[in-house]
Amino acid sequence: MILTGDTQHAGKTLINELKAKAMKHLVDVHADKTKAKLASALKQFVAFTKAVPGRRLFVQPNALNLMKVTRRNEWTLILFAEWLAVQISPKTKKPIQAKSIVGYVGMVRAHYGRTLGFDVAKGGKRLPSVLKAMVRGDPRAQQKRRRQGLRGTHLRNESLRGE
C-alpha cells in the first residue's frame, strides 16, 4: 500500500510519536538512584567529547570492518577512562576514584549500546584490562577500614569453649 498526501503525513507523524515513546523507554530502563549516576556519567562524556573535538566517537561495525571498528570503539572508551583519571571531581575537589571511573565507563557503554542499537565495544579485551589496572593502581581503592568490635564468630567460639 502506498501512502499519499494526508495519509502519508499521518503515517510519518505516527512513526515519529512511536519512535519518541520507544526512545523514552530506552532512557527509562534505570532505577531512580541509577539515573543520577547515568546523568553524571553522560555529563562527563559530553565534556570528554568537547576535549577531543576531532574524534568520531562510536562507529557502527559491519561484516567487513567488525574487528577494526570494535577495537576503535573500545579505544574511545579507554581514552574516556584515562581522561576521567586526570579530571578533578567538581563535588569533592579530588581526582575521580577508579571505581567511579569503572562505573562511568560501564554506564556510557551500556547507554550508547541501547541508543545506537549495537554493543560499542563487543568482545574487547583491552578495556577490562585497563580498568582493572586503574582500580589496582588507585591507592584510595586499597584503603579498607579494619573491622572492630565483637563478631558473631567470636561469640560462637567462646560459647564452644565454655561447654
N, C-alpha and C. Protein backbone atom coordinates (compact mmCIF):
# COMPACT_ATOMS: atom_id res chain seq x y z
N MET A 1 0.84 -1.18 0.00
CA MET A 1 0.00 0.00 0.00
C MET A 1 0.89 1.24 0.00
N ILE A 2 0.63 2.16 -0.88
CA ILE A 2 1.39 3.40 -0.99
C ILE A 2 0.58 4.52 -0.37
N LEU A 3 1.19 5.25 0.57
CA LEU A 3 0.51 6.35 1.22
C LEU A 3 0.72 7.63 0.42
N THR A 4 -0.31 8.42 0.29
CA THR A 4 -0.19 9.69 -0.44
C THR A 4 -0.83 10.80 0.37
N GLY A 5 -0.33 11.99 0.17
CA GLY A 5 -0.95 13.18 0.74
C GLY A 5 -1.06 13.13 2.25
N ASP A 6 -2.29 13.36 2.75
CA ASP A 6 -2.55 13.42 4.19
C ASP A 6 -2.28 12.08 4.87
N THR A 7 -2.56 11.01 4.19
CA THR A 7 -2.34 9.68 4.77
C THR A 7 -0.85 9.46 5.03
N GLN A 8 -0.02 9.90 4.08
CA GLN A 8 1.43 9.74 4.24
C GLN A 8 1.92 10.60 5.41
N HIS A 9 1.42 11.82 5.51
CA HIS A 9 1.80 12.71 6.61
C HIS A 9 1.39 12.12 7.95
N ALA A 10 0.18 11.56 8.03
CA ALA A 10 -0.31 10.93 9.26
C ALA A 10 0.56 9.73 9.63
N GLY A 11 1.01 8.99 8.63
CA GLY A 11 1.89 7.84 8.88
C GLY A 11 3.22 8.28 9.45
N LYS A 12 3.79 9.36 8.92
CA LYS A 12 5.07 9.87 9.44
C LYS A 12 4.91 10.40 10.86
N THR A 13 3.79 11.07 11.11
CA THR A 13 3.53 11.58 12.46
C THR A 13 3.42 10.43 13.45
N LEU A 14 2.72 9.38 13.08
CA LEU A 14 2.58 8.22 13.96
C LEU A 14 3.94 7.58 14.22
N ILE A 15 4.73 7.42 13.17
CA ILE A 15 6.07 6.84 13.32
C ILE A 15 6.91 7.69 14.26
N ASN A 16 6.87 9.00 14.12
CA ASN A 16 7.63 9.89 14.99
C ASN A 16 7.19 9.77 16.44
N GLU A 17 5.88 9.67 16.67
CA GLU A 17 5.36 9.50 18.03
C GLU A 17 5.82 8.18 18.63
N LEU A 18 5.74 7.11 17.83
CA LEU A 18 6.16 5.80 18.32
C LEU A 18 7.66 5.77 18.60
N LYS A 19 8.43 6.43 17.73
CA LYS A 19 9.87 6.50 17.92
C LYS A 19 10.21 7.25 19.21
N ALA A 20 9.51 8.34 19.47
CA ALA A 20 9.74 9.12 20.68
C ALA A 20 9.42 8.30 21.93
N LYS A 21 8.33 7.54 21.89
CA LYS A 21 7.96 6.70 23.03
C LYS A 21 8.99 5.59 23.26
N ALA A 22 9.44 4.99 22.16
CA ALA A 22 10.45 3.93 22.29
C ALA A 22 11.75 4.48 22.88
N MET A 23 12.18 5.66 22.44
CA MET A 23 13.40 6.27 22.97
C MET A 23 13.24 6.59 24.46
N LYS A 24 12.04 7.03 24.85
CA LYS A 24 11.79 7.31 26.26
C LYS A 24 11.91 6.03 27.08
N HIS A 25 11.40 4.92 26.56
CA HIS A 25 11.52 3.65 27.27
C HIS A 25 12.97 3.20 27.37
N LEU A 26 13.75 3.47 26.35
CA LEU A 26 15.17 3.12 26.40
C LEU A 26 15.90 3.92 27.47
N VAL A 27 15.50 5.17 27.65
CA VAL A 27 16.13 6.02 28.66
C VAL A 27 15.66 5.64 30.06
N ASP A 28 14.41 5.21 30.19
CA ASP A 28 13.82 4.93 31.49
C ASP A 28 14.10 3.52 32.01
N VAL A 29 15.11 2.84 31.50
CA VAL A 29 15.38 1.48 31.95
C VAL A 29 16.04 1.44 33.33
N HIS A 30 16.55 2.58 33.78
CA HIS A 30 17.27 2.61 35.05
C HIS A 30 16.36 2.98 36.22
N ALA A 31 16.74 2.51 37.40
CA ALA A 31 16.06 2.92 38.63
C ALA A 31 16.41 4.39 38.91
N ASP A 32 15.64 5.03 39.76
CA ASP A 32 15.85 6.45 40.04
C ASP A 32 17.25 6.74 40.57
N LYS A 33 17.76 5.87 41.43
CA LYS A 33 19.08 6.08 42.00
C LYS A 33 20.17 6.01 40.92
N THR A 34 19.99 5.13 39.97
CA THR A 34 20.96 4.96 38.89
C THR A 34 20.87 6.08 37.87
N LYS A 35 19.70 6.68 37.71
CA LYS A 35 19.53 7.76 36.72
C LYS A 35 20.46 8.93 37.02
N ALA A 36 20.63 9.24 38.31
CA ALA A 36 21.53 10.34 38.67
C ALA A 36 22.97 10.01 38.30
N LYS A 37 23.37 8.75 38.53
CA LYS A 37 24.73 8.33 38.16
C LYS A 37 24.92 8.35 36.66
N LEU A 38 23.89 7.91 35.93
CA LEU A 38 23.97 7.93 34.47
C LEU A 38 24.07 9.36 33.96
N ALA A 39 23.30 10.26 34.55
CA ALA A 39 23.36 11.67 34.14
C ALA A 39 24.75 12.23 34.38
N SER A 40 25.36 11.87 35.50
CA SER A 40 26.72 12.33 35.79
C SER A 40 27.72 11.75 34.80
N ALA A 41 27.57 10.46 34.49
CA ALA A 41 28.47 9.81 33.53
C ALA A 41 28.33 10.44 32.15
N LEU A 42 27.10 10.70 31.72
CA LEU A 42 26.89 11.32 30.40
C LEU A 42 27.40 12.75 30.37
N LYS A 43 27.28 13.45 31.49
CA LYS A 43 27.81 14.82 31.58
C LYS A 43 29.34 14.79 31.41
N GLN A 44 29.98 13.83 32.05
CA GLN A 44 31.43 13.68 31.90
C GLN A 44 31.79 13.29 30.46
N PHE A 45 30.97 12.44 29.85
CA PHE A 45 31.26 12.02 28.48
C PHE A 45 31.12 13.19 27.51
N VAL A 46 30.13 14.05 27.75
CA VAL A 46 29.97 15.24 26.90
C VAL A 46 31.20 16.14 27.05
N ALA A 47 31.69 16.30 28.28
CA ALA A 47 32.90 17.10 28.49
C ALA A 47 34.09 16.46 27.77
N PHE A 48 34.16 15.13 27.79
CA PHE A 48 35.24 14.42 27.07
C PHE A 48 35.14 14.68 25.57
N THR A 49 33.93 14.64 25.02
CA THR A 49 33.77 14.87 23.58
C THR A 49 34.19 16.28 23.20
N LYS A 50 33.98 17.23 24.10
CA LYS A 50 34.43 18.60 23.83
C LYS A 50 35.95 18.72 23.92
N ALA A 51 36.55 17.87 24.76
CA ALA A 51 38.01 17.89 24.92
C ALA A 51 38.71 17.26 23.72
N VAL A 52 38.03 16.38 22.99
CA VAL A 52 38.60 15.73 21.80
C VAL A 52 37.68 15.98 20.60
N PRO A 53 37.62 17.23 20.13
CA PRO A 53 36.60 17.58 19.12
C PRO A 53 36.77 16.88 17.78
N GLY A 54 37.95 16.47 17.41
CA GLY A 54 38.15 15.86 16.10
C GLY A 54 37.87 14.38 16.05
N ARG A 55 37.63 13.76 17.19
CA ARG A 55 37.45 12.30 17.23
C ARG A 55 35.99 11.92 17.00
N ARG A 56 35.78 11.04 16.05
CA ARG A 56 34.46 10.45 15.85
C ARG A 56 34.31 9.37 16.91
N LEU A 57 33.29 9.45 17.73
CA LEU A 57 33.24 8.63 18.94
C LEU A 57 32.97 7.17 18.68
N PHE A 58 31.79 6.83 18.22
CA PHE A 58 31.45 5.43 18.01
C PHE A 58 31.04 5.22 16.56
N VAL A 59 31.60 4.18 15.97
CA VAL A 59 31.31 3.83 14.58
C VAL A 59 30.57 2.50 14.59
N GLN A 60 29.53 2.41 13.78
CA GLN A 60 28.77 1.15 13.72
C GLN A 60 29.52 0.15 12.85
N PRO A 61 29.78 -1.03 13.39
CA PRO A 61 30.51 -2.03 12.61
C PRO A 61 29.61 -2.72 11.58
N ASN A 62 30.25 -3.23 10.55
CA ASN A 62 29.55 -4.10 9.60
C ASN A 62 30.41 -5.35 9.42
N ALA A 63 29.99 -6.25 8.56
CA ALA A 63 30.69 -7.53 8.41
C ALA A 63 32.13 -7.36 7.94
N LEU A 64 32.40 -6.32 7.16
CA LEU A 64 33.73 -6.13 6.60
C LEU A 64 34.72 -5.52 7.59
N ASN A 65 34.24 -4.66 8.47
CA ASN A 65 35.18 -3.96 9.34
C ASN A 65 34.90 -4.20 10.82
N LEU A 66 34.31 -5.31 11.16
CA LEU A 66 33.88 -5.59 12.52
C LEU A 66 35.00 -5.44 13.54
N MET A 67 36.11 -6.12 13.34
CA MET A 67 37.21 -6.10 14.32
C MET A 67 37.84 -4.72 14.41
N LYS A 68 38.06 -4.10 13.28
CA LYS A 68 38.70 -2.77 13.27
C LYS A 68 37.84 -1.75 14.01
N VAL A 69 36.54 -1.74 13.72
CA VAL A 69 35.64 -0.77 14.34
C VAL A 69 35.45 -1.08 15.83
N THR A 70 35.37 -2.35 16.18
CA THR A 70 35.23 -2.73 17.58
C THR A 70 36.44 -2.27 18.38
N ARG A 71 37.64 -2.47 17.84
CA ARG A 71 38.86 -2.01 18.52
C ARG A 71 38.86 -0.50 18.65
N ARG A 72 38.39 0.20 17.62
CA ARG A 72 38.37 1.66 17.64
C ARG A 72 37.38 2.16 18.69
N ASN A 73 36.19 1.58 18.73
CA ASN A 73 35.19 1.97 19.72
C ASN A 73 35.67 1.68 21.14
N GLU A 74 36.33 0.53 21.30
CA GLU A 74 36.88 0.19 22.60
C GLU A 74 37.95 1.20 23.00
N TRP A 75 38.75 1.61 22.04
CA TRP A 75 39.81 2.58 22.32
C TRP A 75 39.21 3.93 22.75
N THR A 76 38.08 4.30 22.17
CA THR A 76 37.39 5.52 22.59
C THR A 76 37.03 5.44 24.07
N LEU A 77 36.51 4.30 24.51
CA LEU A 77 36.15 4.14 25.92
C LEU A 77 37.40 4.13 26.81
N ILE A 78 38.50 3.57 26.32
CA ILE A 78 39.75 3.59 27.09
C ILE A 78 40.24 5.03 27.24
N LEU A 79 40.19 5.80 26.16
CA LEU A 79 40.59 7.21 26.23
C LEU A 79 39.70 7.98 27.20
N PHE A 80 38.41 7.68 27.19
CA PHE A 80 37.49 8.31 28.13
C PHE A 80 37.88 7.99 29.56
N ALA A 81 38.21 6.73 29.83
CA ALA A 81 38.61 6.31 31.18
C ALA A 81 39.89 7.04 31.60
N GLU A 82 40.86 7.11 30.70
CA GLU A 82 42.11 7.80 31.03
C GLU A 82 41.89 9.29 31.23
N TRP A 83 40.98 9.86 30.45
CA TRP A 83 40.65 11.28 30.60
C TRP A 83 40.00 11.52 31.96
N LEU A 84 39.10 10.62 32.36
CA LEU A 84 38.46 10.74 33.67
C LEU A 84 39.49 10.66 34.80
N ALA A 85 40.52 9.85 34.60
CA ALA A 85 41.52 9.64 35.65
C ALA A 85 42.29 10.92 35.97
N VAL A 86 42.37 11.85 35.05
CA VAL A 86 43.10 13.10 35.30
C VAL A 86 42.16 14.26 35.62
N GLN A 87 40.87 14.00 35.66
CA GLN A 87 39.90 15.05 35.97
C GLN A 87 39.72 15.19 37.48
N ILE A 88 39.38 16.39 37.89
CA ILE A 88 39.08 16.68 39.28
C ILE A 88 37.56 16.71 39.44
N SER A 89 37.07 15.98 40.43
CA SER A 89 35.63 15.95 40.68
C SER A 89 35.16 17.31 41.15
N PRO A 90 34.14 17.88 40.52
CA PRO A 90 33.64 19.18 40.97
C PRO A 90 33.01 19.11 42.36
N LYS A 91 32.56 17.93 42.75
CA LYS A 91 31.89 17.77 44.04
C LYS A 91 32.91 17.65 45.18
N THR A 92 33.91 16.78 45.02
CA THR A 92 34.86 16.52 46.10
C THR A 92 36.15 17.31 45.98
N LYS A 93 36.38 17.88 44.80
CA LYS A 93 37.62 18.63 44.52
C LYS A 93 38.86 17.73 44.60
N LYS A 94 38.65 16.44 44.35
CA LYS A 94 39.73 15.46 44.34
C LYS A 94 39.66 14.71 43.02
N PRO A 95 40.72 13.99 42.64
CA PRO A 95 40.65 13.16 41.42
C PRO A 95 39.54 12.13 41.54
N ILE A 96 38.95 11.79 40.41
CA ILE A 96 37.86 10.81 40.39
C ILE A 96 38.42 9.43 40.72
N GLN A 97 37.76 8.71 41.61
CA GLN A 97 38.24 7.40 42.03
C GLN A 97 38.09 6.38 40.91
N ALA A 98 38.96 5.40 40.92
CA ALA A 98 38.98 4.37 39.87
C ALA A 98 37.66 3.59 39.83
N LYS A 99 37.07 3.30 40.99
CA LYS A 99 35.80 2.58 41.00
C LYS A 99 34.70 3.40 40.33
N SER A 100 34.73 4.71 40.51
CA SER A 100 33.77 5.58 39.85
C SER A 100 34.00 5.59 38.35
N ILE A 101 35.26 5.58 37.94
CA ILE A 101 35.59 5.57 36.52
C ILE A 101 35.06 4.30 35.87
N VAL A 102 35.23 3.16 36.54
CA VAL A 102 34.72 1.89 36.02
C VAL A 102 33.20 1.98 35.85
N GLY A 103 32.53 2.54 36.84
CA GLY A 103 31.08 2.70 36.75
C GLY A 103 30.66 3.62 35.63
N TYR A 104 31.34 4.75 35.47
CA TYR A 104 31.02 5.71 34.42
C TYR A 104 31.20 5.08 33.03
N VAL A 105 32.32 4.41 32.84
CA VAL A 105 32.58 3.79 31.54
C VAL A 105 31.53 2.72 31.23
N GLY A 106 31.18 1.92 32.23
CA GLY A 106 30.16 0.90 32.02
C GLY A 106 28.81 1.49 31.69
N MET A 107 28.45 2.58 32.36
CA MET A 107 27.15 3.21 32.09
C MET A 107 27.12 3.85 30.71
N VAL A 108 28.20 4.51 30.33
CA VAL A 108 28.26 5.13 29.00
C VAL A 108 28.19 4.05 27.92
N ARG A 109 28.93 2.97 28.14
CA ARG A 109 28.92 1.86 27.17
C ARG A 109 27.51 1.27 27.03
N ALA A 110 26.86 1.02 28.15
CA ALA A 110 25.51 0.44 28.11
C ALA A 110 24.51 1.42 27.49
N HIS A 111 24.62 2.69 27.86
CA HIS A 111 23.69 3.70 27.34
C HIS A 111 23.80 3.80 25.82
N TYR A 112 25.02 3.94 25.32
CA TYR A 112 25.18 4.06 23.87
C TYR A 112 24.88 2.75 23.16
N GLY A 113 25.10 1.63 23.82
CA GLY A 113 24.71 0.35 23.24
C GLY A 113 23.21 0.28 23.02
N ARG A 114 22.45 0.78 23.99
CA ARG A 114 20.99 0.78 23.85
C ARG A 114 20.53 1.79 22.81
N THR A 115 21.06 3.00 22.86
CA THR A 115 20.55 4.04 21.96
C THR A 115 21.02 3.84 20.52
N LEU A 116 22.22 3.32 20.32
CA LEU A 116 22.72 3.10 18.96
C LEU A 116 22.30 1.76 18.39
N GLY A 117 21.97 0.82 19.26
CA GLY A 117 21.49 -0.48 18.80
C GLY A 117 22.56 -1.52 18.58
N PHE A 118 23.77 -1.27 19.05
CA PHE A 118 24.84 -2.27 18.96
C PHE A 118 25.80 -2.07 20.12
N ASP A 119 26.46 -3.16 20.54
CA ASP A 119 27.44 -3.08 21.63
C ASP A 119 28.66 -2.35 21.10
N VAL A 120 28.97 -1.20 21.70
CA VAL A 120 30.03 -0.36 21.14
C VAL A 120 31.42 -0.95 21.30
N ALA A 121 31.62 -1.86 22.23
CA ALA A 121 32.95 -2.46 22.41
C ALA A 121 32.82 -3.96 22.63
N LYS A 122 32.08 -4.61 21.76
CA LYS A 122 31.79 -6.03 21.93
C LYS A 122 33.06 -6.87 21.87
N GLY A 123 33.25 -7.67 22.89
CA GLY A 123 34.36 -8.62 22.90
C GLY A 123 35.72 -8.00 23.07
N GLY A 124 35.80 -6.73 23.42
CA GLY A 124 37.10 -6.09 23.59
C GLY A 124 37.84 -6.65 24.80
N LYS A 125 39.12 -6.87 24.66
CA LYS A 125 39.93 -7.41 25.74
C LYS A 125 40.73 -6.34 26.46
N ARG A 126 40.96 -5.21 25.78
CA ARG A 126 41.81 -4.18 26.37
C ARG A 126 41.10 -3.36 27.44
N LEU A 127 39.83 -3.03 27.22
CA LEU A 127 39.11 -2.18 28.16
C LEU A 127 39.05 -2.79 29.56
N PRO A 128 38.65 -4.05 29.72
CA PRO A 128 38.63 -4.62 31.08
C PRO A 128 40.02 -4.62 31.73
N SER A 129 41.05 -4.86 30.93
CA SER A 129 42.42 -4.87 31.47
C SER A 129 42.82 -3.49 31.97
N VAL A 130 42.51 -2.46 31.19
CA VAL A 130 42.85 -1.09 31.58
C VAL A 130 42.10 -0.70 32.85
N LEU A 131 40.81 -1.01 32.90
CA LEU A 131 40.01 -0.64 34.06
C LEU A 131 40.48 -1.38 35.31
N LYS A 132 40.83 -2.65 35.16
CA LYS A 132 41.32 -3.43 36.30
C LYS A 132 42.64 -2.85 36.81
N ALA A 133 43.51 -2.47 35.87
CA ALA A 133 44.79 -1.87 36.27
C ALA A 133 44.58 -0.53 36.98
N MET A 134 43.58 0.23 36.54
CA MET A 134 43.28 1.51 37.20
C MET A 134 42.83 1.29 38.64
N VAL A 135 41.98 0.30 38.85
CA VAL A 135 41.48 0.02 40.20
C VAL A 135 42.62 -0.48 41.08
N ARG A 136 43.46 -1.35 40.53
CA ARG A 136 44.60 -1.86 41.31
C ARG A 136 45.57 -0.74 41.67
N GLY A 137 45.74 0.22 40.77
CA GLY A 137 46.71 1.29 40.98
C GLY A 137 46.18 2.45 41.80
N ASP A 138 44.91 2.47 42.11
CA ASP A 138 44.32 3.57 42.88
C ASP A 138 44.58 3.35 44.36
N PRO A 139 45.40 4.18 44.99
CA PRO A 139 45.71 3.96 46.41
C PRO A 139 44.48 4.09 47.31
N ARG A 140 43.51 4.91 46.90
CA ARG A 140 42.31 5.07 47.72
C ARG A 140 41.44 3.83 47.67
N ALA A 141 41.53 3.06 46.59
CA ALA A 141 40.72 1.84 46.48
C ALA A 141 41.25 0.74 47.39
N GLN A 142 42.52 0.84 47.78
CA GLN A 142 43.13 -0.20 48.59
C GLN A 142 42.90 0.03 50.07
N GLN A 143 42.44 1.19 50.45
CA GLN A 143 42.27 1.51 51.86
C GLN A 143 40.96 0.93 52.38
N LYS A 144 41.08 -0.13 53.13
CA LYS A 144 39.90 -0.72 53.77
C LYS A 144 40.03 -0.50 55.27
N ARG A 145 38.92 -0.14 55.87
CA ARG A 145 38.94 0.04 57.31
C ARG A 145 38.97 -1.31 58.00
N ARG A 146 39.74 -1.36 59.06
CA ARG A 146 39.78 -2.58 59.83
C ARG A 146 38.51 -2.71 60.64
N ARG A 147 37.94 -3.90 60.64
CA ARG A 147 36.70 -4.12 61.38
C ARG A 147 37.00 -4.19 62.86
N GLN A 148 36.13 -3.55 63.64
CA GLN A 148 36.32 -3.52 65.08
C GLN A 148 35.07 -4.07 65.77
N GLY A 149 35.24 -4.46 67.01
CA GLY A 149 34.10 -4.91 67.79
C GLY A 149 33.96 -6.42 67.80
N LEU A 150 32.93 -6.86 68.50
CA LEU A 150 32.67 -8.30 68.59
C LEU A 150 31.98 -8.80 67.33
N ARG A 151 32.43 -9.90 66.85
CA ARG A 151 31.81 -10.55 65.70
C ARG A 151 31.01 -11.76 66.20
N GLY A 152 30.11 -12.21 65.38
CA GLY A 152 29.35 -13.40 65.71
C GLY A 152 30.24 -14.61 65.89
N THR A 153 31.31 -14.68 65.10
CA THR A 153 32.22 -15.83 65.22
C THR A 153 32.94 -15.82 66.56
N HIS A 154 33.25 -14.62 67.09
CA HIS A 154 33.91 -14.54 68.39
C HIS A 154 32.99 -15.13 69.47
N LEU A 155 31.72 -14.74 69.40
CA LEU A 155 30.77 -15.23 70.41
C LEU A 155 30.56 -16.74 70.30
N ARG A 156 30.48 -17.25 69.06
CA ARG A 156 30.31 -18.69 68.87
C ARG A 156 31.52 -19.44 69.40
N ASN A 157 32.71 -18.94 69.11
CA ASN A 157 33.93 -19.62 69.58
C ASN A 157 33.99 -19.66 71.10
N GLU A 158 33.60 -18.56 71.75
CA GLU A 158 33.60 -18.52 73.21
C GLU A 158 32.56 -19.46 73.81
N SER A 159 31.40 -19.54 73.15
CA SER A 159 30.36 -20.44 73.69
C SER A 159 30.78 -21.90 73.53
N LEU A 160 31.52 -22.20 72.44
CA LEU A 160 32.00 -23.58 72.28
C LEU A 160 33.08 -23.92 73.28
N ARG A 161 33.92 -22.98 73.64
CA ARG A 161 34.97 -23.22 74.64
C ARG A 161 34.38 -23.42 76.03
N GLY A 162 33.31 -22.72 76.31
CA GLY A 162 32.70 -22.79 77.62
C GLY A 162 31.95 -24.07 77.89
N GLU A 163 31.63 -24.83 76.88
CA GLU A 163 30.85 -26.06 77.07
C GLU A 163 31.66 -27.18 77.63
